[in-house]
N, C-alpha and C. Protein backbone atom coordinates (compact mmCIF):
# COMPACT_ATOMS: atom_id res chain seq x y z
N MET A 1 101.23 81.99 90.08
CA MET A 1 101.12 82.62 91.37
C MET A 1 102.30 82.20 92.34
N SER A 2 102.84 83.31 92.91
CA SER A 2 103.82 82.96 93.80
C SER A 2 103.33 82.38 95.06
N ASP A 3 103.92 81.47 95.79
CA ASP A 3 103.50 80.87 97.00
C ASP A 3 103.65 81.97 98.21
N THR A 4 102.53 82.20 98.70
CA THR A 4 102.73 83.18 99.81
C THR A 4 103.25 82.75 101.22
N ARG A 5 103.41 81.35 101.13
CA ARG A 5 104.20 80.81 102.34
C ARG A 5 105.60 81.11 102.26
N PHE A 6 106.11 81.43 101.10
CA PHE A 6 107.57 81.80 100.97
C PHE A 6 107.93 83.10 100.60
N PHE A 7 107.13 83.76 99.77
CA PHE A 7 107.38 85.07 99.30
C PHE A 7 106.31 86.02 99.74
N LYS A 8 106.69 87.45 99.95
CA LYS A 8 105.83 88.44 100.26
C LYS A 8 105.28 88.87 98.91
N LYS A 9 104.04 89.32 98.99
CA LYS A 9 103.43 89.77 97.81
C LYS A 9 104.03 91.05 97.21
N PRO A 10 104.40 91.07 95.98
CA PRO A 10 104.89 92.32 95.44
C PRO A 10 103.88 93.51 95.20
N GLN A 11 104.37 94.57 94.92
CA GLN A 11 103.61 95.69 94.60
C GLN A 11 102.76 95.39 93.33
N PRO A 12 101.53 95.85 93.33
CA PRO A 12 100.76 95.66 91.89
C PRO A 12 101.35 96.50 90.86
N ARG A 13 101.19 95.88 89.69
CA ARG A 13 101.90 96.63 88.56
C ARG A 13 100.60 97.06 87.68
N SER A 14 100.78 98.12 86.91
CA SER A 14 99.84 98.77 86.16
C SER A 14 99.65 97.88 84.78
N LEU A 15 98.49 97.80 84.17
CA LEU A 15 98.45 97.09 82.95
C LEU A 15 99.29 97.53 81.75
N SER A 16 99.48 98.91 81.69
CA SER A 16 100.37 99.43 80.71
C SER A 16 101.80 98.89 80.96
N ASP A 17 102.26 98.77 82.08
CA ASP A 17 103.57 98.35 82.42
C ASP A 17 103.67 96.65 81.93
N ILE A 18 102.66 96.01 82.29
CA ILE A 18 102.62 94.55 81.90
C ILE A 18 102.57 94.57 80.36
N ALA A 19 101.69 95.35 79.68
CA ALA A 19 101.67 95.34 78.06
C ALA A 19 103.13 95.53 77.59
N THR A 20 103.84 96.60 78.25
CA THR A 20 105.16 96.93 77.66
C THR A 20 106.12 95.51 78.14
N LEU A 21 106.09 95.12 79.15
CA LEU A 21 106.82 93.94 79.56
C LEU A 21 106.68 92.81 78.62
N THR A 22 105.47 92.39 78.25
CA THR A 22 105.05 91.32 77.55
C THR A 22 104.89 91.43 75.92
N ASN A 23 105.25 92.85 75.67
CA ASN A 23 105.18 93.20 74.15
C ASN A 23 103.84 92.79 73.52
N CYS A 24 102.75 93.24 74.39
CA CYS A 24 101.31 93.07 73.92
C CYS A 24 100.66 94.48 73.53
N GLU A 25 99.61 94.47 72.81
CA GLU A 25 99.09 95.64 72.37
C GLU A 25 97.60 95.52 73.28
N THR A 26 97.29 96.76 73.62
CA THR A 26 95.90 96.78 74.28
C THR A 26 94.84 97.11 73.15
N LEU A 27 93.67 96.66 73.19
CA LEU A 27 92.58 97.29 72.21
C LEU A 27 92.32 98.62 72.34
N ASN A 28 91.68 99.28 71.48
CA ASN A 28 91.22 100.68 71.62
C ASN A 28 90.07 100.79 72.85
N GLY A 29 90.51 101.56 73.62
CA GLY A 29 89.26 101.81 74.80
C GLY A 29 89.73 101.04 76.03
N SER A 30 90.81 100.20 75.99
CA SER A 30 91.18 99.45 77.16
C SER A 30 91.70 100.24 78.24
N ASN A 31 91.33 99.96 79.47
CA ASN A 31 91.75 100.73 80.62
C ASN A 31 93.20 100.27 81.02
N THR A 32 94.21 100.94 80.66
CA THR A 32 95.47 100.55 81.08
C THR A 32 96.03 100.91 82.44
N ASP A 33 95.06 101.64 83.22
CA ASP A 33 95.40 102.09 84.56
C ASP A 33 95.10 100.99 85.59
N ILE A 34 94.55 99.83 85.18
CA ILE A 34 94.23 98.79 86.11
C ILE A 34 95.54 98.23 86.74
N MET A 35 95.31 97.98 88.12
CA MET A 35 96.49 97.48 88.84
C MET A 35 96.31 95.97 88.92
N ILE A 36 97.36 95.19 88.56
CA ILE A 36 97.25 93.74 88.56
C ILE A 36 98.23 93.37 89.69
N ARG A 37 97.84 92.50 90.59
CA ARG A 37 98.46 91.83 91.63
C ARG A 37 99.26 90.47 91.39
N ASP A 38 98.54 89.92 90.58
CA ASP A 38 98.86 88.34 90.37
C ASP A 38 98.47 87.66 89.00
N VAL A 39 98.90 86.59 88.76
CA VAL A 39 98.56 85.85 87.57
C VAL A 39 97.73 84.75 88.03
N ALA A 40 96.62 84.36 87.25
CA ALA A 40 95.75 83.09 87.65
C ALA A 40 95.23 82.42 86.47
N ALA A 41 94.83 81.09 86.62
CA ALA A 41 94.13 80.46 85.42
C ALA A 41 92.69 81.22 85.50
N LEU A 42 92.03 80.96 84.23
CA LEU A 42 90.74 81.53 83.84
C LEU A 42 89.65 81.36 85.09
N HIS A 43 89.59 80.07 85.59
CA HIS A 43 88.54 79.58 86.54
C HIS A 43 89.01 80.21 87.93
N LEU A 44 90.28 80.43 88.25
CA LEU A 44 90.64 80.85 89.53
C LEU A 44 90.85 82.32 89.68
N ALA A 45 90.92 83.12 88.64
CA ALA A 45 91.21 84.57 88.81
C ALA A 45 90.20 85.43 89.44
N ASN A 46 90.75 86.29 90.04
CA ASN A 46 89.64 87.54 90.61
C ASN A 46 90.10 88.73 89.87
N GLU A 47 89.47 89.81 90.59
CA GLU A 47 89.71 91.17 89.85
C GLU A 47 90.97 91.68 90.06
N GLU A 48 91.78 91.15 90.74
CA GLU A 48 93.34 91.68 90.85
C GLU A 48 94.22 90.84 90.07
N ASN A 49 93.77 89.99 89.30
CA ASN A 49 94.45 89.01 88.40
C ASN A 49 94.46 89.22 86.98
N ILE A 50 95.40 88.76 86.35
CA ILE A 50 95.37 88.68 84.96
C ILE A 50 95.54 87.15 84.46
N THR A 51 94.88 86.70 83.37
CA THR A 51 94.80 85.45 82.93
C THR A 51 95.20 85.35 81.36
N PHE A 52 95.12 84.10 80.95
CA PHE A 52 95.15 83.95 79.45
C PHE A 52 94.18 83.14 78.86
N PHE A 53 93.92 83.30 77.48
CA PHE A 53 93.00 82.50 76.74
C PHE A 53 93.70 82.08 75.57
N GLU A 54 93.77 80.66 75.20
CA GLU A 54 94.38 80.36 74.01
C GLU A 54 93.60 79.28 73.26
N ASN A 55 92.60 78.35 73.90
CA ASN A 55 92.03 77.34 73.35
C ASN A 55 90.64 77.67 73.32
N LYS A 56 90.02 77.61 72.31
CA LYS A 56 88.44 77.93 72.25
C LYS A 56 87.66 76.85 73.13
N LYS A 57 88.11 75.82 73.44
CA LYS A 57 87.36 74.84 74.20
C LYS A 57 86.96 75.42 75.53
N TYR A 58 87.92 76.57 75.96
CA TYR A 58 87.73 77.00 77.22
C TYR A 58 86.96 78.45 77.26
N ALA A 59 86.24 78.46 76.00
CA ALA A 59 85.48 79.77 75.75
C ALA A 59 84.39 80.15 77.03
N ASP A 60 83.83 78.93 77.53
CA ASP A 60 82.91 79.20 78.55
C ASP A 60 83.64 79.70 79.82
N LYS A 61 84.82 79.27 80.01
CA LYS A 61 85.53 79.69 81.27
C LYS A 61 85.87 81.20 80.99
N LEU A 62 86.21 81.61 79.94
CA LEU A 62 86.57 82.96 79.48
C LEU A 62 85.49 83.82 79.86
N LYS A 63 84.18 83.49 79.46
CA LYS A 63 82.92 84.26 79.69
C LYS A 63 82.67 84.36 81.15
N GLU A 64 82.99 83.50 81.95
CA GLU A 64 82.92 83.32 83.46
C GLU A 64 83.96 84.04 84.23
N THR A 65 85.24 84.21 83.61
CA THR A 65 86.25 84.67 84.33
C THR A 65 86.02 86.04 85.10
N LYS A 66 86.57 86.09 86.27
CA LYS A 66 86.48 87.32 87.12
C LYS A 66 87.78 88.23 87.03
N ALA A 67 88.62 87.79 86.12
CA ALA A 67 89.97 88.42 85.95
C ALA A 67 89.71 89.88 85.33
N SER A 68 90.82 90.87 85.70
CA SER A 68 90.49 92.17 85.20
C SER A 68 91.14 92.44 83.67
N ALA A 69 92.07 91.37 83.37
CA ALA A 69 92.61 91.18 81.99
C ALA A 69 92.99 89.99 81.62
N CYS A 70 93.20 89.92 80.24
CA CYS A 70 93.41 88.71 79.73
C CYS A 70 94.43 88.74 78.53
N PHE A 71 95.43 87.82 78.40
CA PHE A 71 96.24 87.69 77.17
C PHE A 71 95.36 87.02 76.38
N ILE A 72 95.47 87.44 75.06
CA ILE A 72 94.66 86.59 74.17
C ILE A 72 95.11 86.95 72.61
N SER A 73 94.77 86.00 71.76
CA SER A 73 95.18 86.27 70.45
C SER A 73 94.09 86.89 69.65
N LYS A 74 94.61 87.63 68.38
CA LYS A 74 93.60 88.34 67.58
C LYS A 74 92.46 87.51 67.27
N ASP A 75 92.72 86.22 66.78
CA ASP A 75 91.55 85.40 66.48
C ASP A 75 90.58 85.02 67.53
N ALA A 76 91.09 85.06 68.71
CA ALA A 76 90.15 84.64 69.93
C ALA A 76 89.46 85.88 70.44
N VAL A 77 89.71 87.13 70.02
CA VAL A 77 89.06 88.24 70.63
C VAL A 77 87.37 88.16 70.65
N LYS A 78 87.00 87.47 69.70
CA LYS A 78 85.57 87.33 69.48
C LYS A 78 84.90 86.44 70.63
N TYR A 79 85.80 85.72 71.36
CA TYR A 79 85.12 84.99 72.60
C TYR A 79 85.04 85.72 73.82
N ALA A 80 85.81 86.98 73.78
CA ALA A 80 85.84 87.53 75.13
C ALA A 80 84.61 88.30 75.40
N PRO A 81 84.38 88.34 76.87
CA PRO A 81 83.14 89.09 77.31
C PRO A 81 83.36 90.59 77.21
N GLU A 82 82.07 91.26 77.30
CA GLU A 82 82.26 92.71 77.40
C GLU A 82 82.96 93.07 78.82
N GLY A 83 83.80 94.09 78.77
CA GLY A 83 84.19 94.55 79.89
C GLY A 83 85.60 94.19 80.28
N LEU A 84 86.09 93.00 79.83
CA LEU A 84 87.23 92.41 80.06
C LEU A 84 88.31 93.02 79.29
N THR A 85 89.43 93.63 79.80
CA THR A 85 90.37 94.25 79.28
C THR A 85 91.29 93.25 78.69
N LEU A 86 91.61 93.40 77.27
CA LEU A 86 92.43 92.31 76.44
C LEU A 86 93.72 92.96 76.03
N LEU A 87 94.79 92.14 76.26
CA LEU A 87 96.28 92.27 75.75
C LEU A 87 96.36 91.25 74.77
N VAL A 88 96.58 91.92 73.38
CA VAL A 88 96.54 91.03 72.20
C VAL A 88 97.94 90.54 71.98
N SER A 89 98.09 89.32 71.72
CA SER A 89 99.47 88.81 71.52
C SER A 89 99.61 87.61 70.51
N ASP A 90 100.55 87.57 69.76
CA ASP A 90 100.73 86.43 69.04
C ASP A 90 100.70 84.96 69.67
N ASP A 91 101.20 85.09 70.84
CA ASP A 91 101.42 83.87 71.56
C ASP A 91 100.91 84.19 73.08
N PRO A 92 99.72 84.18 73.39
CA PRO A 92 99.16 84.48 74.69
C PRO A 92 99.79 83.76 75.83
N TYR A 93 100.01 82.49 75.72
CA TYR A 93 100.51 81.63 76.88
C TYR A 93 101.96 82.18 77.04
N ALA A 94 102.80 82.46 76.13
CA ALA A 94 104.11 83.00 76.19
C ALA A 94 104.02 84.30 77.06
N ALA A 95 103.18 85.14 76.61
CA ALA A 95 102.97 86.51 77.35
C ALA A 95 102.51 86.36 78.72
N TYR A 96 101.71 85.23 79.08
CA TYR A 96 101.28 84.83 80.47
C TYR A 96 102.49 84.45 81.30
N ALA A 97 103.21 83.60 80.48
CA ALA A 97 104.51 83.01 81.21
C ALA A 97 105.54 84.19 81.55
N ARG A 98 105.78 85.05 80.66
CA ARG A 98 106.54 86.16 80.96
C ARG A 98 106.02 86.98 82.05
N CYS A 99 104.99 87.43 82.15
CA CYS A 99 104.24 88.15 83.36
C CYS A 99 104.36 87.37 84.49
N ALA A 100 104.11 86.01 84.58
CA ALA A 100 104.22 85.29 85.72
C ALA A 100 105.59 85.08 86.23
N GLN A 101 106.65 84.92 85.23
CA GLN A 101 107.98 84.96 85.65
C GLN A 101 108.42 86.17 86.33
N ALA A 102 107.99 87.43 85.71
CA ALA A 102 108.27 88.63 86.32
C ALA A 102 107.64 88.88 87.71
N HIS A 103 106.49 88.17 87.79
CA HIS A 103 105.75 88.34 89.05
C HIS A 103 106.62 87.54 90.19
N VAL A 104 106.94 86.39 89.90
CA VAL A 104 107.76 85.65 90.76
C VAL A 104 109.05 86.10 91.15
N PHE A 105 109.61 86.58 90.08
CA PHE A 105 111.05 87.31 90.28
C PHE A 105 110.80 88.69 91.36
N ASN A 106 109.75 89.36 91.09
CA ASN A 106 109.52 90.56 91.91
C ASN A 106 109.22 90.09 93.31
N ALA A 107 108.36 89.12 93.43
CA ALA A 107 108.07 88.51 94.77
C ALA A 107 109.26 88.21 95.48
N SER A 108 110.20 87.55 94.85
CA SER A 108 111.63 87.08 95.53
C SER A 108 112.35 88.19 95.81
N LEU A 109 112.32 89.28 95.18
CA LEU A 109 113.08 90.56 95.52
C LEU A 109 112.56 91.14 96.71
N LYS A 110 111.22 90.98 96.72
CA LYS A 110 110.47 91.74 98.19
C LYS A 110 111.01 91.04 99.27
N GLY A 111 111.51 89.75 99.12
CA GLY A 111 112.00 89.06 100.42
C GLY A 111 111.30 87.83 100.73
N ARG A 112 111.90 86.98 101.50
CA ARG A 112 111.33 85.74 101.72
C ARG A 112 110.65 85.86 103.15
N ILE A 113 109.59 85.34 103.39
CA ILE A 113 108.74 85.49 104.59
C ILE A 113 109.55 84.59 105.77
N ASP A 114 109.88 85.10 106.86
CA ASP A 114 110.69 84.25 107.59
C ASP A 114 109.83 83.69 108.76
N SER A 115 108.74 82.94 108.40
CA SER A 115 108.02 82.47 109.57
C SER A 115 107.32 81.27 108.77
N ILE A 116 106.87 80.24 109.52
CA ILE A 116 106.04 79.01 109.07
C ILE A 116 104.67 79.14 109.88
N LYS A 117 103.79 79.62 108.94
CA LYS A 117 102.30 79.56 109.24
C LYS A 117 101.59 78.46 108.96
N ASN A 118 101.80 77.97 107.76
CA ASN A 118 101.08 76.85 107.21
C ASN A 118 102.13 75.72 106.91
N VAL A 119 102.16 74.84 107.79
CA VAL A 119 103.24 73.77 107.71
C VAL A 119 102.69 72.48 106.99
N GLY A 120 101.64 72.47 106.39
CA GLY A 120 101.09 71.32 105.88
C GLY A 120 102.06 70.76 104.80
N TYR A 121 102.85 71.39 104.12
CA TYR A 121 103.66 70.83 103.13
C TYR A 121 104.83 70.00 103.77
N LEU A 122 104.98 70.17 105.14
CA LEU A 122 106.02 69.49 105.79
C LEU A 122 105.55 68.06 106.21
N TRP A 123 104.34 67.68 106.20
CA TRP A 123 103.79 66.50 106.68
C TRP A 123 104.23 65.38 105.91
N ARG A 124 104.37 65.50 104.62
CA ARG A 124 104.81 64.57 103.52
C ARG A 124 105.94 64.97 102.84
N PRO A 125 106.99 65.17 103.37
CA PRO A 125 108.24 65.48 102.72
C PRO A 125 108.63 64.33 101.70
N LYS A 126 109.11 64.73 100.59
CA LYS A 126 109.69 63.69 99.76
C LYS A 126 111.15 63.94 99.26
N THR A 127 111.94 62.97 99.46
CA THR A 127 113.51 63.23 99.07
C THR A 127 113.74 62.15 97.87
N TYR A 128 114.23 62.72 96.91
CA TYR A 128 114.85 61.94 95.83
C TYR A 128 116.30 62.06 95.81
N LEU A 129 116.99 60.94 95.58
CA LEU A 129 118.34 60.85 95.67
C LEU A 129 118.75 60.35 94.19
N TYR A 130 119.37 61.25 93.31
CA TYR A 130 119.96 60.75 91.97
C TYR A 130 121.40 60.58 91.94
N TYR A 131 121.90 59.47 91.26
CA TYR A 131 123.37 59.50 91.27
C TYR A 131 123.69 59.22 89.90
N VAL A 132 124.37 60.20 89.23
CA VAL A 132 124.65 60.10 87.88
C VAL A 132 126.11 60.33 87.81
N ALA A 133 126.79 59.39 86.94
CA ALA A 133 128.21 59.26 86.77
C ALA A 133 128.53 58.82 85.39
N ALA A 134 129.85 59.18 84.96
CA ALA A 134 130.26 58.73 83.74
C ALA A 134 130.64 57.23 83.86
N THR A 135 130.61 56.49 82.85
CA THR A 135 130.84 54.97 82.81
C THR A 135 132.22 54.79 83.54
N GLU A 136 133.25 55.39 83.20
CA GLU A 136 134.56 55.02 83.66
C GLU A 136 134.60 55.21 85.15
N THR A 137 133.82 56.09 85.80
CA THR A 137 133.81 56.26 87.28
C THR A 137 132.93 55.23 88.02
N MET A 138 132.21 54.37 87.17
CA MET A 138 131.46 53.46 87.86
C MET A 138 132.25 52.17 88.08
N LYS A 139 133.37 52.16 87.63
CA LYS A 139 134.19 50.80 87.87
C LYS A 139 134.79 50.84 89.24
N SER A 140 135.03 51.71 89.99
CA SER A 140 135.61 51.70 91.44
C SER A 140 135.18 52.71 92.30
N GLY A 141 135.25 52.55 93.52
CA GLY A 141 134.99 53.52 94.39
C GLY A 141 133.79 53.03 95.33
N PHE A 142 133.53 53.91 96.32
CA PHE A 142 132.59 53.34 97.25
C PHE A 142 131.22 53.60 96.92
N LEU A 143 130.82 54.76 96.32
CA LEU A 143 129.51 55.01 95.90
C LEU A 143 128.85 54.22 94.53
N PRO A 144 129.90 53.87 93.75
CA PRO A 144 129.29 53.00 92.58
C PRO A 144 129.04 51.73 93.15
N LYS A 145 129.69 51.11 94.26
CA LYS A 145 129.30 49.92 94.76
C LYS A 145 127.93 49.77 95.54
N ILE A 146 127.70 50.97 96.36
CA ILE A 146 126.55 51.03 97.05
C ILE A 146 125.28 51.28 96.24
N MET A 147 125.45 52.19 95.07
CA MET A 147 124.48 52.49 94.22
C MET A 147 124.06 51.69 93.11
N ALA A 148 124.82 50.87 92.86
CA ALA A 148 124.72 49.96 91.69
C ALA A 148 123.55 48.87 91.93
């Protein structure tokens, strides 16, 4: 999911566009006119989201998901609940990642939100300073002396 503190939400995409983008096939009778707004994990998804299922130990989460669609492998289709639109892929996680990447890219194209409404992330800023240099440059100079 793109962080709405920084990016505007992109326009929803149809499931048929997502299937084309991720090179997935929909099962017979799947509704490809569904509009998807975001990606989410199985347990966090709502009816505007697409999710993925790859590990059978999360079959209970798949049965409870509120997502409209799910990337899934052919072998795992048997775990899917009725009414969930399935996009079949050899690698469901990779298809989900391609969809998420496209979503974040589209969100960034829509523009950055130029306001700070939720500043909670500013209360504990972290700064890491890394100094990497070749061995020969570490023998002299001001920075090698203070960083050593």
